[in-house]
Protein backbone atom coordinates (compact mmCIF):
# COMPACT_ATOMS: atom_id res chain seq x y z
CA MET A 1 83.92 -68.51 -54.95
CA PHE A 2 85.78 -71.84 -55.08
CA ARG A 3 82.18 -73.91 -53.67
CA MET A 4 80.96 -72.17 -57.09
CA PHE A 5 83.19 -73.20 -59.52
CA THR A 6 83.25 -77.30 -58.24
CA GLN A 7 79.66 -77.30 -58.10
CA PHE A 8 77.95 -79.04 -61.13
CA HIS A 9 74.69 -76.90 -61.51
CA ASN A 10 74.96 -73.15 -61.65
CA PHE A 11 72.82 -70.92 -61.64
CA MET A 12 72.29 -66.84 -63.04
CA GLU A 13 69.83 -64.65 -63.88
CA ILE A 14 70.10 -61.20 -66.05
CA GLU A 15 67.62 -58.93 -66.05
CA TYR A 16 67.76 -56.94 -69.02
CA LEU A 17 67.13 -53.00 -68.18
CA PRO A 18 63.93 -51.13 -69.94
CA ILE A 19 65.65 -49.76 -73.58
CA VAL A 20 64.58 -46.16 -73.18
CA SER A 21 64.01 -44.38 -76.90
CA PRO A 22 64.23 -40.85 -77.21
CA LEU A 23 60.96 -38.86 -77.82
CA GLU A 24 59.40 -38.61 -81.14
CA ASN A 25 56.83 -35.66 -80.70
CA GLN A 26 59.04 -33.48 -79.29
CA GLU A 27 62.21 -32.47 -79.09
CA GLU A 28 64.07 -33.33 -75.90
CA SER A 29 67.58 -32.16 -74.95
CA ALA A 30 70.38 -34.48 -73.73
CA VAL A 31 69.76 -33.48 -69.72
CA ASP A 32 66.12 -34.37 -69.91
CA PHE A 33 66.91 -37.65 -72.04
CA ALA A 34 69.09 -38.48 -68.91
CA GLU A 35 67.25 -37.49 -66.71
CA ARG A 36 63.89 -39.73 -67.96
CA THR A 37 66.99 -42.57 -68.20
CA SER A 38 68.00 -42.21 -64.66
CA CYS A 39 63.85 -42.16 -63.96
CA ASN A 40 63.58 -45.49 -65.85
CA ILE A 41 65.77 -47.85 -63.91
CA ALA A 42 65.63 -46.66 -60.93
CA SER A 43 62.42 -47.92 -61.27
CA ALA A 44 63.26 -50.98 -63.39
CA LEU A 45 66.16 -52.31 -60.30
CA ASN A 46 63.51 -50.73 -57.30
CA VAL A 47 66.06 -48.65 -56.28
CA VAL A 48 65.51 -45.24 -55.12
CA GLN A 49 66.96 -42.22 -57.17
CA THR A 50 69.57 -40.60 -56.65
CA SER A 51 71.43 -36.90 -57.73
CA HIS A 52 75.19 -38.38 -56.70
CA SER A 53 77.77 -37.90 -59.87
CA TYR A 54 81.29 -37.54 -60.12
CA GLY A 55 82.22 -35.42 -57.60
CA ASP A 56 80.74 -37.30 -54.98
CA SER A 57 83.07 -40.40 -55.87
CA LEU A 58 85.98 -38.12 -55.18
CA LEU A 59 83.93 -37.03 -52.00
CA LEU A 60 83.69 -40.68 -51.35
CA THR A 61 87.87 -41.10 -52.17
CA LYS A 62 88.87 -38.19 -50.04
CA ALA A 63 87.11 -39.86 -46.70
CA LEU A 64 88.42 -43.20 -47.15
CA GLU A 65 91.71 -41.97 -47.86
CA SER A 66 91.56 -40.12 -44.45
CA LYS A 67 89.96 -43.31 -43.11
CA LEU A 68 86.61 -42.17 -41.95
CA GLU A 69 83.88 -44.00 -40.77
CA LYS A 70 80.56 -44.24 -42.93
CA PRO A 71 82.75 -42.56 -45.67
CA SER A 72 79.96 -42.40 -48.00
CA THR A 73 78.17 -40.22 -45.72
CA TYR A 74 80.58 -36.98 -46.39
CA MET A 75 78.30 -37.73 -50.20
CA VAL A 76 76.61 -34.90 -50.91
CA GLU A 77 74.64 -35.59 -54.76
CA MET A 78 76.71 -32.50 -56.27
CA SER A 79 73.97 -32.81 -59.43
CA ASN A 80 71.66 -31.10 -57.31
CA VAL A 81 74.15 -29.28 -54.97
CA LYS A 82 75.53 -27.79 -58.85
CA THR A 83 71.74 -26.81 -59.18
CA LEU A 84 70.85 -25.38 -56.41
CA PHE A 85 73.90 -22.85 -55.88
CA ASN A 86 76.40 -23.76 -58.92
CA ILE A 87 79.64 -24.97 -56.97
CA SER A 88 81.63 -26.60 -58.23
CA THR A 89 83.62 -30.81 -57.05
CA GLN A 90 86.92 -28.62 -56.35
CA GLU A 91 84.65 -26.38 -54.03
CA ALA A 92 83.11 -28.79 -52.08
CA VAL A 93 86.46 -30.73 -51.74
CA ASP A 94 87.87 -27.86 -50.69
CA PHE A 95 85.29 -27.50 -48.00
CA LEU A 96 86.10 -31.35 -46.89
CA ASP A 97 89.38 -30.69 -46.63
CA LYS A 98 88.37 -28.02 -43.89
CA PHE A 99 86.33 -29.97 -42.88
CA LEU A 100 88.35 -32.80 -42.29
CA SER A 101 91.13 -30.82 -40.20
CA MET A 102 88.26 -29.46 -37.48
CA ASN A 103 88.92 -33.63 -36.45
CA PRO A 104 85.32 -34.84 -36.31
CA ASP A 105 84.76 -37.72 -34.50
CA PRO A 106 83.80 -41.13 -35.39
CA SER A 107 80.74 -40.61 -36.42
CA GLY A 108 81.50 -37.76 -38.61
CA ARG A 109 80.94 -34.90 -36.43
CA VAL A 110 82.13 -31.63 -35.42
CA LYS A 111 81.98 -29.82 -32.12
CA ILE A 112 82.64 -26.61 -31.62
CA HIS A 113 85.81 -26.42 -31.05
CA GLY A 114 86.93 -27.99 -33.50
CA PHE A 115 85.53 -25.61 -35.65
CA LEU A 116 86.06 -22.13 -33.81
CA ARG A 117 89.82 -23.45 -33.93
CA VAL A 118 90.31 -23.64 -37.80
CA LEU A 119 88.46 -20.96 -38.29
CA ARG A 120 90.74 -18.76 -36.00
CA LEU A 121 87.34 -17.42 -34.17
CA ARG A 122 87.32 -17.07 -29.98
CA GLU A 123 84.35 -18.07 -27.93
CA SER A 124 82.07 -15.69 -28.52
CA PRO A 125 78.29 -14.58 -28.72
CA LEU A 126 79.08 -13.92 -32.23
CA SER A 127 81.03 -17.41 -33.54
CA GLU A 128 78.35 -19.07 -31.13
CA LYS A 129 75.80 -17.57 -33.26
CA ILE A 130 77.59 -18.73 -36.04
CA PHE A 131 77.69 -22.22 -35.07
CA ARG A 132 74.99 -22.10 -34.29
CA TYR A 133 73.28 -21.87 -38.05
CA LEU A 134 74.88 -24.63 -38.94
CA ASP A 135 73.65 -26.90 -36.25
CA VAL A 136 70.23 -26.69 -37.43
CA GLU A 137 69.51 -30.19 -35.57
CA LYS A 138 70.41 -28.63 -31.85
CA GLN A 139 73.10 -31.14 -31.39
CA GLY A 140 75.89 -29.57 -30.28
CA SER A 141 78.15 -30.93 -32.88
CA VAL A 142 77.30 -30.59 -37.28
CA THR A 143 78.03 -33.28 -40.34
CA PHE A 144 79.47 -32.20 -43.15
CA ARG A 145 76.62 -32.40 -45.30
CA GLN A 146 75.53 -29.23 -42.71
CA PHE A 147 78.91 -27.49 -42.99
CA PHE A 148 78.91 -27.70 -46.74
CA PHE A 149 75.32 -26.37 -47.14
CA GLY A 150 75.95 -23.63 -44.69
CA SER A 151 78.66 -22.37 -46.45
CA ALA A 152 77.39 -23.26 -49.56
CA TYR A 153 74.34 -21.13 -49.10
CA ILE A 154 75.72 -17.61 -48.07
CA LEU A 155 79.31 -18.50 -50.53
CA LYS A 156 76.07 -17.97 -53.63
CA GLN A 157 74.03 -15.96 -52.36
CA PRO A 158 73.16 -12.93 -55.54
CA LEU A 159 74.54 -10.49 -53.61
CA PHE A 160 78.05 -11.88 -51.14
CA LEU A 161 80.69 -10.73 -53.71
CA GLN A 162 79.38 -7.24 -53.56
CA ALA A 163 78.93 -7.39 -49.53
CA CYS A 164 82.69 -8.55 -49.43
CA GLU A 165 83.81 -5.86 -51.78
CA LEU A 166 81.74 -3.19 -49.61
CA ALA A 167 82.89 -4.75 -46.17
CA PHE A 168 86.33 -4.45 -47.68
CA THR A 169 85.72 -1.00 -48.35
CA GLU A 170 84.60 -0.34 -45.33
CA PHE A 171 87.82 -2.22 -43.06
CA ASP A 172 90.24 0.00 -45.83
CA GLY A 173 89.77 3.55 -43.82
CA ARG A 174 92.55 4.86 -46.11
CA GLY A 175 91.64 3.62 -49.09
CA SER A 176 95.61 2.45 -49.58
CA ASN A 177 94.11 -0.91 -51.19
CA TYR A 178 95.67 -3.20 -48.00
CA VAL A 179 95.23 -3.96 -44.66
CA SER A 180 97.16 -3.85 -42.05
CA GLN A 181 97.14 -6.27 -38.88
CA GLN A 182 96.46 -2.89 -36.59
CA GLN A 183 93.27 -1.86 -39.24
CA LEU A 184 91.93 -6.07 -38.97
CA ARG A 185 91.77 -5.34 -34.72
CA ASP A 186 89.98 -1.93 -35.46
CA SER A 187 87.07 -3.20 -37.98
CA LEU A 188 86.45 -6.47 -35.44
CA LYS A 189 86.44 -4.88 -31.97
CA ILE A 190 82.32 -4.22 -32.35
CA ALA A 191 82.11 -7.82 -33.43
CA MET A 192 84.62 -9.91 -30.95
CA PRO A 193 85.59 -7.23 -28.35
CA GLY A 194 88.40 -8.50 -26.31
CA LEU A 195 90.53 -9.94 -28.85
CA SER A 196 94.10 -10.57 -28.05
CA GLU A 197 96.95 -9.98 -29.93
CA GLU A 198 97.67 -13.24 -31.38
CA GLU A 199 94.20 -14.24 -31.99
CA VAL A 200 94.34 -11.29 -34.04
CA GLY A 201 97.84 -12.23 -35.55
CA GLU A 202 95.50 -16.24 -35.90
CA LEU A 203 93.09 -14.47 -38.03
CA PHE A 204 95.53 -12.15 -39.94
CA ILE A 205 97.35 -15.25 -41.59
CA ILE A 206 93.82 -16.81 -42.66
CA PHE A 207 93.26 -13.43 -44.51
CA ASP A 208 96.86 -13.33 -45.61
CA THR A 209 96.50 -15.21 -48.32
CA ASP A 210 99.67 -14.95 -50.41
CA GLY A 211 101.88 -14.19 -47.01
CA ASP A 212 102.74 -11.05 -47.89
CA GLY A 213 102.83 -9.31 -44.63
CA ARG A 214 99.76 -7.40 -45.60
CA VAL A 215 96.26 -7.92 -46.87
CA SER A 216 95.66 -6.90 -49.72
CA LYS A 217 91.87 -6.97 -51.88
CA ASP A 218 92.39 -10.16 -54.03
CA ASP A 219 93.18 -12.20 -50.47
CA PHE A 220 90.45 -10.68 -48.46
CA MET A 221 88.14 -11.93 -51.31
CA THR A 222 89.40 -15.16 -51.57
CA CYS A 223 90.14 -15.85 -47.76
CA LEU A 224 85.86 -15.16 -47.81
CA ARG A 225 85.20 -17.33 -50.25
CA ARG A 226 87.56 -19.97 -49.31
CA ASN A 227 84.96 -19.46 -45.37
CA PRO A 228 82.48 -17.72 -46.27
CA LEU A 229 80.89 -18.16 -42.79
CA LEU A 230 83.56 -15.46 -41.63
CA ILE A 231 81.62 -12.06 -43.94
CA ALA A 232 79.76 -12.45 -40.08
CA LEU A 233 82.16 -10.94 -38.18
CA PHE A 234 82.00 -8.06 -40.81
CA CYS A 235 78.33 -7.41 -41.12
CA TYR A 236 77.86 -6.82 -37.86
CA GLY A 237 76.00 -3.47 -38.23
CA SER A 238 77.94 -2.63 -41.73
CA ALA A 239 76.17 -2.16 -44.55
CA SER A 240 76.99 -5.72 -45.66
CA LYS A 241 74.51 -7.47 -43.47
CA GLY A 242 71.70 -5.52 -45.50
CA LEU A 243 73.46 -6.42 -48.22
CA LEU A 244 73.36 -10.28 -47.53
CA GLN A 245 69.78 -9.60 -45.69
CA ARG A 246 68.43 -7.90 -49.21
CA GLY A 247 70.36 -11.19 -51.26
CA CYS A 248 68.72 -14.01 -49.36
CA GLU A 249 64.88 -12.40 -49.71
CA GLN A 250 65.43 -12.30 -53.31
């Protein structure tokens, strides 16, 4: 900077971006006009057009605050995400918080042990299957994008909420609208046989979102919205599995 100001001659080049005007011969929505403008600007600057938005800046800020290497890899192009999954910025930030609690390595990848620890799952064929669903590159670890898109895809299935409600109905065999820790253990016998009392207790804490010592339907639904991958625990041979499969086919 000092050298620039002390030189006798300085040169600067200014390139004006093209003027983009509304179409005269047809109506155009504000979204379409913004998209056309973005495309023209990217072309003029000779750069790739992306779908990053304000939500990505929040994800980037969160990654910077956590002192992560390559924080830009935690951006997911939120404009596309909202179009595909109708995921809000706050939901995306919550998923990032969940991922960061899994202790990603310097390259931004999470191994299965950190993944299972945060979701309170033991090593089992089912939990390994859940992890493999995210690990599309078969590297034994997952990135935030893989975790986020995998979770969002399940969360926004057309029949996801209906499958959750059906799972709770099967869960609450007595129709009391509340589920005890013992009922949780009984419900998970098929999906994850051999769970210890301590392991069931850890899972129960996740589902008991209001901390009153029992899981209501609201607790159950809230937990699965925050942790959509856990729906797999209640789809093992249940009617909920069929609902989710039909939703994926639609």
